[in-house]
Amino acid sequence: MYLEILTPDQKVFSGDITSVQVPGMSGSFEVLTNHAAIISTLEKGDVKIRTAKEEKVFTIDGGVVEVLHDKVIVLAEAIL
């Protein structure tokens, strides 16, 4: 699965991942390989990324996530 985290100013992360957890408006949720297509708004909170080798955490100030065909795009207002 491929992930991109973008802000209006920069590309924060791009690469292959095994899973990502995002702060949805109704609570956090996790996206795994072969996840159904979804678009959701995000609130302020942590985006937790798991790759084959490590875990990374970025704190965002809200935004939108789109999942389609094993590609996840997080459009964040800002990285805190």
PDB file of N, CA and C in Angstrom:
ATOM      1  N   MET A   1       0.854  -1.160   0.000  1.00  0.00           N
ATOM      2  CA  MET A   1       0.000   0.000   0.000  1.00  0.00           C
ATOM      3  C   MET A   1       0.908   1.233   0.000  1.00  0.00           C
ATOM      4  N   TYR A   2       0.459   2.295  -0.663  1.00  0.00           N
ATOM      5  CA  TYR A   2       1.268   3.507  -0.799  1.00  0.00           C
ATOM      6  C   TYR A   2       0.565   4.665  -0.087  1.00  0.00           C
ATOM      7  N   LEU A   3       1.345   5.488   0.613  1.00  0.00           N
ATOM      8  CA  LEU A   3       0.800   6.617   1.369  1.00  0.00           C
ATOM      9  C   LEU A   3       1.510   7.907   0.989  1.00  0.00           C
ATOM     10  N   GLU A   4       0.721   8.971   0.860  1.00  0.00           N
ATOM     11  CA  GLU A   4       1.256  10.334   0.736  1.00  0.00           C
ATOM     12  C   GLU A   4       0.572  11.195   1.783  1.00  0.00           C
ATOM     13  N   ILE A   5       1.368  11.986   2.511  1.00  0.00           N
ATOM     14  CA  ILE A   5       0.834  12.993   3.427  1.00  0.00           C
ATOM     15  C   ILE A   5       1.273  14.341   2.880  1.00  0.00           C
ATOM     16  N   LEU A   6       0.286  15.182   2.567  1.00  0.00           N
ATOM     17  CA  LEU A   6       0.558  16.482   1.963  1.00  0.00           C
ATOM     18  C   LEU A   6      -0.050  17.592   2.799  1.00  0.00           C
ATOM     19  N   THR A   7       0.653  18.730   2.860  1.00  0.00           N
ATOM     20  CA  THR A   7       0.112  19.959   3.429  1.00  0.00           C
ATOM     21  C   THR A   7       0.125  20.995   2.308  1.00  0.00           C
ATOM     22  N   PRO A   8      -0.482  22.157   2.508  1.00  0.00           N
ATOM     23  CA  PRO A   8      -0.409  23.177   1.464  1.00  0.00           C
ATOM     24  C   PRO A   8       1.031  23.603   1.144  1.00  0.00           C
ATOM     25  N   ASP A   9       1.958  23.401   2.072  1.00  0.00           N
ATOM     26  CA  ASP A   9       3.336  23.854   1.899  1.00  0.00           C
ATOM     27  C   ASP A   9       4.307  22.794   1.401  1.00  0.00           C
ATOM     28  N   GLN A  10       4.032  21.505   1.705  1.00  0.00           N
ATOM     29  CA  GLN A  10       5.053  20.500   1.438  1.00  0.00           C
ATOM     30  C   GLN A  10       4.484  19.083   1.379  1.00  0.00           C
ATOM     31  N   LYS A  11       5.283  18.182   0.821  1.00  0.00           N
ATOM     32  CA  LYS A  11       5.001  16.755   0.902  1.00  0.00           C
ATOM     33  C   LYS A  11       5.736  16.254   2.137  1.00  0.00           C
ATOM     34  N   VAL A  12       4.995  15.777   3.124  1.00  0.00           N
ATOM     35  CA  VAL A  12       5.551  15.390   4.409  1.00  0.00           C
ATOM     36  C   VAL A  12       6.074  13.960   4.388  1.00  0.00           C
ATOM     37  N   PHE A  13       5.340  13.069   3.709  1.00  0.00           N
ATOM     38  CA  PHE A  13       5.723  11.657   3.660  1.00  0.00           C
ATOM     39  C   PHE A  13       5.193  11.059   2.374  1.00  0.00           C
ATOM     40  N   SER A  14       5.977  10.176   1.791  1.00  0.00           N
ATOM     41  CA  SER A  14       5.494   9.343   0.687  1.00  0.00           C
ATOM     42  C   SER A  14       6.280   8.048   0.699  1.00  0.00           C
ATOM     43  N   GLY A  15       5.574   6.939   0.536  1.00  0.00           N
ATOM     44  CA  GLY A  15       6.252   5.656   0.514  1.00  0.00           C
ATOM     45  C   GLY A  15       5.317   4.500   0.778  1.00  0.00           C
ATOM     46  N   ASP A  16       5.876   3.306   0.680  1.00  0.00           N
ATOM     47  CA  ASP A  16       5.117   2.084   0.927  1.00  0.00           C
ATOM     48  C   ASP A  16       4.954   1.857   2.418  1.00  0.00           C
ATOM     49  N   ILE A  17       3.756   1.434   2.814  1.00  0.00           N
ATOM     50  CA  ILE A  17       3.443   1.201   4.222  1.00  0.00           C
ATOM     51  C   ILE A  17       2.691  -0.120   4.360  1.00  0.00           C
ATOM     52  N   THR A  18       2.593  -0.605   5.602  1.00  0.00           N
ATOM     53  CA  THR A  18       1.767  -1.786   5.867  1.00  0.00           C
ATOM     54  C   THR A  18       0.409  -1.381   6.429  1.00  0.00           C
ATOM     55  N   SER A  19       0.361  -0.238   7.169  1.00  0.00           N
ATOM     56  CA  SER A  19      -0.910   0.276   7.682  1.00  0.00           C
ATOM     57  C   SER A  19      -0.745   1.730   8.097  1.00  0.00           C
ATOM     58  N   VAL A  20      -1.888   2.420   8.216  1.00  0.00           N
ATOM     59  CA  VAL A  20      -1.889   3.797   8.715  1.00  0.00           C
ATOM     60  C   VAL A  20      -3.142   3.987   9.557  1.00  0.00           C
ATOM     61  N   GLN A  21      -2.973   4.667  10.688  1.00  0.00           N
ATOM     62  CA  GLN A  21      -4.093   4.991  11.560  1.00  0.00           C
ATOM     63  C   GLN A  21      -4.277   6.498  11.528  1.00  0.00           C
ATOM     64  N   VAL A  22      -5.518   6.951  11.292  1.00  0.00           N
ATOM     65  CA  VAL A  22      -5.799   8.380  11.156  1.00  0.00           C
ATOM     66  C   VAL A  22      -6.897   8.803  12.125  1.00  0.00           C
ATOM     67  N   PRO A  23      -6.908  10.100  12.529  1.00  0.00           N
ATOM     68  CA  PRO A  23      -7.904  10.595  13.482  1.00  0.00           C
ATOM     69  C   PRO A  23      -9.184  11.062  12.783  1.00  0.00           C
ATOM     70  N   GLY A  24     -10.120  10.151  12.535  1.00  0.00           N
ATOM     71  CA  GLY A  24     -11.391  10.505  11.906  1.00  0.00           C
ATOM     72  C   GLY A  24     -12.250  11.350  12.828  1.00  0.00           C
ATOM     73  N   MET A  25     -13.256  11.998  12.259  1.00  0.00           N
ATOM     74  CA  MET A  25     -14.136  12.863  13.053  1.00  0.00           C
ATOM     75  C   MET A  25     -14.943  12.076  14.089  1.00  0.00           C
ATOM     76  N   SER A  26     -15.222  10.814  13.814  1.00  0.00           N
ATOM     77  CA  SER A  26     -15.976   9.975  14.762  1.00  0.00           C
ATOM     78  C   SER A  26     -15.068   9.019  15.524  1.00  0.00           C
ATOM     79  N   GLY A  27     -13.771   9.261  15.471  1.00  0.00           N
ATOM     80  CA  GLY A  27     -12.804   8.399  16.145  1.00  0.00           C
ATOM     81  C   GLY A  27     -11.747   7.927  15.171  1.00  0.00           C
ATOM     82  N   SER A  28     -10.640   7.476  15.696  1.00  0.00           N
ATOM     83  CA  SER A  28      -9.547   7.061  14.811  1.00  0.00           C
ATOM     84  C   SER A  28      -9.895   5.730  14.154  1.00  0.00           C
ATOM     85  N   PHE A  29      -9.346   5.520  12.955  1.00  0.00           N
ATOM     86  CA  PHE A  29      -9.527   4.257  12.255  1.00  0.00           C
ATOM     87  C   PHE A  29      -8.256   3.909  11.503  1.00  0.00           C
ATOM     88  N   GLU A  30      -8.115   2.619  11.217  1.00  0.00           N
ATOM     89  CA  GLU A  30      -6.902   2.107  10.593  1.00  0.00           C
ATOM     90  C   GLU A  30      -7.210   1.638   9.177  1.00  0.00           C
ATOM     91  N   VAL A  31      -6.276   1.895   8.268  1.00  0.00           N
ATOM     92  CA  VAL A  31      -6.392   1.470   6.885  1.00  0.00           C
ATOM     93  C   VAL A  31      -5.318   0.416   6.633  1.00  0.00           C
ATOM     94  N   LEU A  32      -5.752  -0.744   6.140  1.00  0.00           N
ATOM     95  CA  LEU A  32      -4.849  -1.840   5.804  1.00  0.00           C
ATOM     96  C   LEU A  32      -4.922  -2.107   4.299  1.00  0.00           C
ATOM     97  N   THR A  33      -4.054  -2.956   3.797  1.00  0.00           N
ATOM     98  CA  THR A  33      -4.061  -3.331   2.387  1.00  0.00           C
ATOM     99  C   THR A  33      -5.439  -3.841   1.983  1.00  0.00           C
ATOM    100  N   ASN A  34      -5.856  -3.495   0.779  1.00  0.00           N
ATOM    101  CA  ASN A  34      -7.158  -3.879   0.207  1.00  0.00           C
ATOM    102  C   ASN A  34      -8.347  -3.283   0.943  1.00  0.00           C
ATOM    103  N   HIS A  35      -8.150  -2.138   1.595  1.00  0.00           N
ATOM    104  CA  HIS A  35      -9.239  -1.438   2.278  1.00  0.00           C
ATOM    105  C   HIS A  35     -10.234  -0.930   1.233  1.00  0.00           C
ATOM    106  N   ALA A  36     -11.489  -0.882   1.594  1.00  0.00           N
ATOM    107  CA  ALA A  36     -12.522  -0.337   0.709  1.00  0.00           C
ATOM    108  C   ALA A  36     -12.248   1.142   0.448  1.00  0.00           C
ATOM    109  N   ALA A  37     -12.693   1.619  -0.704  1.00  0.00           N
ATOM    110  CA  ALA A  37     -12.541   3.032  -1.041  1.00  0.00           C
ATOM    111  C   ALA A  37     -13.302   3.882  -0.026  1.00  0.00           C
ATOM    112  N   ILE A  38     -12.676   4.985   0.397  1.00  0.00           N
ATOM    113  CA  ILE A  38     -13.295   5.856   1.399  1.00  0.00           C
ATOM    114  C   ILE A  38     -12.723   7.259   1.275  1.00  0.00           C
ATOM    115  N   ILE A  39     -13.547   8.233   1.602  1.00  0.00           N
ATOM    116  CA  ILE A  39     -13.105   9.617   1.791  1.00  0.00           C
ATOM    117  C   ILE A  39     -13.669  10.046   3.129  1.00  0.00           C
ATOM    118  N   SER A  40     -12.823  10.629   3.986  1.00  0.00           N
ATOM    119  CA  SER A  40     -13.261  11.022   5.318  1.00  0.00           C
ATOM    120  C   SER A  40     -12.561  12.297   5.752  1.00  0.00           C
ATOM    121  N   THR A  41     -13.255  13.111   6.545  1.00  0.00           N
ATOM    122  CA  THR A  41     -12.619  14.268   7.153  1.00  0.00           C
ATOM    123  C   THR A  41     -11.839  13.811   8.377  1.00  0.00           C
ATOM    124  N   LEU A  42     -10.801  14.564   8.695  1.00  0.00           N
ATOM    125  CA  LEU A  42      -9.948  14.236   9.831  1.00  0.00           C
ATOM    126  C   LEU A  42      -9.935  15.392  10.811  1.00  0.00           C
ATOM    127  N   GLU A  43      -9.807  15.066  12.087  1.00  0.00           N
ATOM    128  CA  GLU A  43      -9.659  16.104  13.102  1.00  0.00           C
ATOM    129  C   GLU A  43      -8.209  16.170  13.552  1.00  0.00           C
ATOM    130  N   LYS A  44      -7.919  17.100  14.433  1.00  0.00           N
ATOM    131  CA  LYS A  44      -6.566  17.232  14.974  1.00  0.00           C
ATOM    132  C   LYS A  44      -6.196  15.960  15.719  1.00  0.00           C
ATOM    133  N   GLY A  45      -4.999  15.427  15.424  1.00  0.00           N
ATOM    134  CA  GLY A  45      -4.562  14.207  16.091  1.00  0.00           C
ATOM    135  C   GLY A  45      -3.379  13.579  15.397  1.00  0.00           C
ATOM    136  N   ASP A  46      -3.066  12.360  15.796  1.00  0.00           N
ATOM    137  CA  ASP A  46      -1.888  11.657  15.297  1.00  0.00           C
ATOM    138  C   ASP A  46      -2.212  10.764  14.103  1.00  0.00           C
ATOM    139  N   VAL A  47      -1.326  10.812  13.097  1.00  0.00           N
ATOM    140  CA  VAL A  47      -1.341   9.873  11.990  1.00  0.00           C
ATOM    141  C   VAL A  47      -0.201   8.899  12.273  1.00  0.00           C
ATOM    142  N   LYS A  48      -0.541   7.633  12.519  1.00  0.00           N
ATOM    143  CA  LYS A  48       0.456   6.622  12.877  1.00  0.00           C
ATOM    144  C   LYS A  48       0.701   5.720  11.672  1.00  0.00           C
ATOM    145  N   ILE A  49       1.942   5.700  11.214  1.00  0.00           N
ATOM    146  CA  ILE A  49       2.325   4.959  10.013  1.00  0.00           C
ATOM    147  C   ILE A  49       3.180   3.773  10.410  1.00  0.00           C
ATOM    148  N   ARG A  50       2.866   2.613   9.845  1.00  0.00           N
ATOM    149  CA  ARG A  50       3.697   1.422  10.041  1.00  0.00           C
ATOM    150  C   ARG A  50       4.237   0.984   8.685  1.00  0.00           C
ATOM    151  N   THR A  51       5.562   0.882   8.614  1.00  0.00           N
ATOM    152  CA  THR A  51       6.213   0.328   7.429  1.00  0.00           C
ATOM    153  C   THR A  51       6.792  -1.028   7.825  1.00  0.00           C
ATOM    154  N   ALA A  52       7.444  -1.679   6.891  1.00  0.00           N
ATOM    155  CA  ALA A  52       8.042  -2.982   7.195  1.00  0.00           C
ATOM    156  C   ALA A  52       9.153  -2.856   8.233  1.00  0.00           C
ATOM    157  N   LYS A  53       9.762  -1.669   8.351  1.00  0.00           N
ATOM    158  CA  LYS A  53      10.923  -1.499   9.222  1.00  0.00           C
ATOM    159  C   LYS A  53      10.708  -0.614  10.443  1.00  0.00           C
ATOM    160  N   GLU A  54       9.693   0.273  10.408  1.00  0.00           N
ATOM    161  CA  GLU A  54       9.575   1.246  11.505  1.00  0.00           C
ATOM    162  C   GLU A  54       8.151   1.769  11.638  1.00  0.00           C
ATOM    163  N   GLU A  55       7.947   2.538  12.696  1.00  0.00           N
ATOM    164  CA  GLU A  55       6.697   3.261  12.911  1.00  0.00           C
ATOM    165  C   GLU A  55       7.024   4.746  12.990  1.00  0.00           C
ATOM    166  N   LYS A  56       6.165   5.571  12.389  1.00  0.00           N
ATOM    167  CA  LYS A  56       6.323   7.022  12.437  1.00  0.00           C
ATOM    168  C   LYS A  56       5.002   7.625  12.869  1.00  0.00           C
ATOM    169  N   VAL A  57       5.073   8.765  13.543  1.00  0.00           N
ATOM    170  CA  VAL A  57       3.867   9.474  13.975  1.00  0.00           C
ATOM    171  C   VAL A  57       3.998  10.936  13.571  1.00  0.00           C
ATOM    172  N   PHE A  58       2.961  11.448  12.913  1.00  0.00           N
ATOM    173  CA  PHE A  58       2.862  12.867  12.577  1.00  0.00           C
ATOM    174  C   PHE A  58       1.579  13.386  13.212  1.00  0.00           C
ATOM    175  N   THR A  59       1.639  14.552  13.853  1.00  0.00           N
ATOM    176  CA  THR A  59       0.443  15.168  14.420  1.00  0.00           C
ATOM    177  C   THR A  59      -0.065  16.209  13.424  1.00  0.00           C
ATOM    178  N   ILE A  60      -1.336  16.039  13.018  1.00  0.00           N
ATOM    179  CA  ILE A  60      -1.914  16.946  12.031  1.00  0.00           C
ATOM    180  C   ILE A  60      -2.956  17.842  12.687  1.00  0.00           C
ATOM    181  N   ASP A  61      -3.277  18.935  12.009  1.00  0.00           N
ATOM    182  CA  ASP A  61      -4.283  19.883  12.488  1.00  0.00           C
ATOM    183  C   ASP A  61      -5.552  19.757  11.640  1.00  0.00           C
ATOM    184  N   GLY A  62      -6.024  18.525  11.460  1.00  0.00           N
ATOM    185  CA  GLY A  62      -7.226  18.294  10.672  1.00  0.00           C
ATOM    186  C   GLY A  62      -6.909  18.125   9.200  1.00  0.00           C
ATOM    187  N   GLY A  63      -7.916  17.703   8.432  1.00  0.00           N
ATOM    188  CA  GLY A  63      -7.724  17.527   7.007  1.00  0.00           C
ATOM    189  C   GLY A  63      -8.696  16.521   6.431  1.00  0.00           C
ATOM    190  N   VAL A  64      -8.254  15.849   5.351  1.00  0.00           N
ATOM    191  CA  VAL A  64      -9.077  14.881   4.625  1.00  0.00           C
ATOM    192  C   VAL A  64      -8.206  13.687   4.259  1.00  0.00           C
ATOM    193  N   VAL A  65      -8.805  12.481   4.245  1.00  0.00           N
ATOM    194  CA  VAL A  65      -8.093  11.287   3.791  1.00  0.00           C
ATOM    195  C   VAL A  65      -8.902  10.638   2.672  1.00  0.00           C
ATOM    196  N   GLU A  66      -8.184  10.150   1.667  1.00  0.00           N
ATOM    197  CA  GLU A  66      -8.808   9.399   0.581  1.00  0.00           C
ATOM    198  C   GLU A  66      -8.076   8.073   0.445  1.00  0.00           C
ATOM    199  N   VAL A  67      -8.836   6.978   0.344  1.00  0.00           N
ATOM    200  CA  VAL A  67      -8.276   5.642   0.125  1.00  0.00           C
ATOM    201  C   VAL A  67      -8.891   5.106  -1.155  1.00  0.00           C
ATOM    202  N   LEU A  68      -8.046   4.711  -2.111  1.00  0.00           N
ATOM    203  CA  LEU A  68      -8.538   4.174  -3.373  1.00  0.00           C
ATOM    204  C   LEU A  68      -7.458   3.301  -3.997  1.00  0.00           C
ATOM    205  N   HIS A  69      -7.795   2.045  -4.275  1.00  0.00           N
ATOM    206  CA  HIS A  69      -6.884   1.102  -4.943  1.00  0.00           C
ATOM    207  C   HIS A  69      -5.520   0.998  -4.255  1.00  0.00           C
ATOM    208  N   ASP A  70      -5.508   0.787  -2.947  1.00  0.00           N
ATOM    209  CA  ASP A  70      -4.276   0.638  -2.157  1.00  0.00           C
ATOM    210  C   ASP A  70      -3.374   1.865  -2.190  1.00  0.00           C
ATOM    211  N   LYS A  71      -3.955   3.038  -2.424  1.00  0.00           N
ATOM    212  CA  LYS A  71      -3.233   4.307  -2.310  1.00  0.00           C
ATOM    213  C   LYS A  71      -3.996   5.181  -1.324  1.00  0.00           C
ATOM    214  N   VAL A  72      -3.278   5.697  -0.329  1.00  0.00           N
ATOM    215  CA  VAL A  72      -3.866   6.546   0.704  1.00  0.00           C
ATOM    216  C   VAL A  72      -3.264   7.936   0.566  1.00  0.00           C
ATOM    217  N   ILE A  73      -4.126   8.949   0.488  1.00  0.00           N
ATOM    218  CA  ILE A  73      -3.657  10.332   0.429  1.00  0.00           C
ATOM    219  C   ILE A  73      -4.258  11.071   1.619  1.00  0.00           C
ATOM    220  N   VAL A  74      -3.401  11.641   2.450  1.00  0.00           N
ATOM    221  CA  VAL A  74      -3.820  12.471   3.579  1.00  0.00           C
ATOM    222  C   VAL A  74      -3.483  13.911   3.213  1.00  0.00           C
ATOM    223  N   LEU A  75      -4.545  14.735   3.103  1.00  0.00           N
ATOM    224  CA  LEU A  75      -4.371  16.166   2.870  1.00  0.00           C
ATOM    225  C   LEU A  75      -4.561  16.846   4.214  1.00  0.00           C
ATOM    226  N   ALA A  76      -3.476  17.252   4.842  1.00  0.00           N
ATOM    227  CA  ALA A  76      -3.508  17.815   6.183  1.00  0.00           C
ATOM    228  C   ALA A  76      -3.476  19.337   6.126  1.00  0.00           C
ATOM    229  N   GLU A  77      -4.196  19.979   7.038  1.00  0.00           N
ATOM    230  CA  GLU A  77      -4.160  21.442   7.140  1.00  0.00           C
ATOM    231  C   GLU A  77      -2.751  21.902   7.489  1.00  0.00           C
ATOM    232  N   ALA A  78      -2.120  21.214   8.438  1.00  0.00           N
ATOM    233  CA  ALA A  78      -0.761  21.547   8.870  1.00  0.00           C
ATOM    234  C   ALA A  78      -0.213  20.386   9.698  1.00  0.00           C
ATOM    235  N   ILE A  79       1.104  20.319   9.788  1.00  0.00           N
ATOM    236  CA  ILE A  79       1.770  19.380  10.683  1.00  0.00           C
ATOM    237  C   ILE A  79       2.162  20.152  11.931  1.00  0.00           C
ATOM    238  N   LEU A  80       1.771  19.642  13.081  1.00  0.00           N
ATOM    239  CA  LEU A  80       2.055  20.348  14.348  1.00  0.00           C
ATOM    240  C   LEU A  80       3.325  19.833  14.988  1.00  0.00           C
TER     241      LEU A  80
END
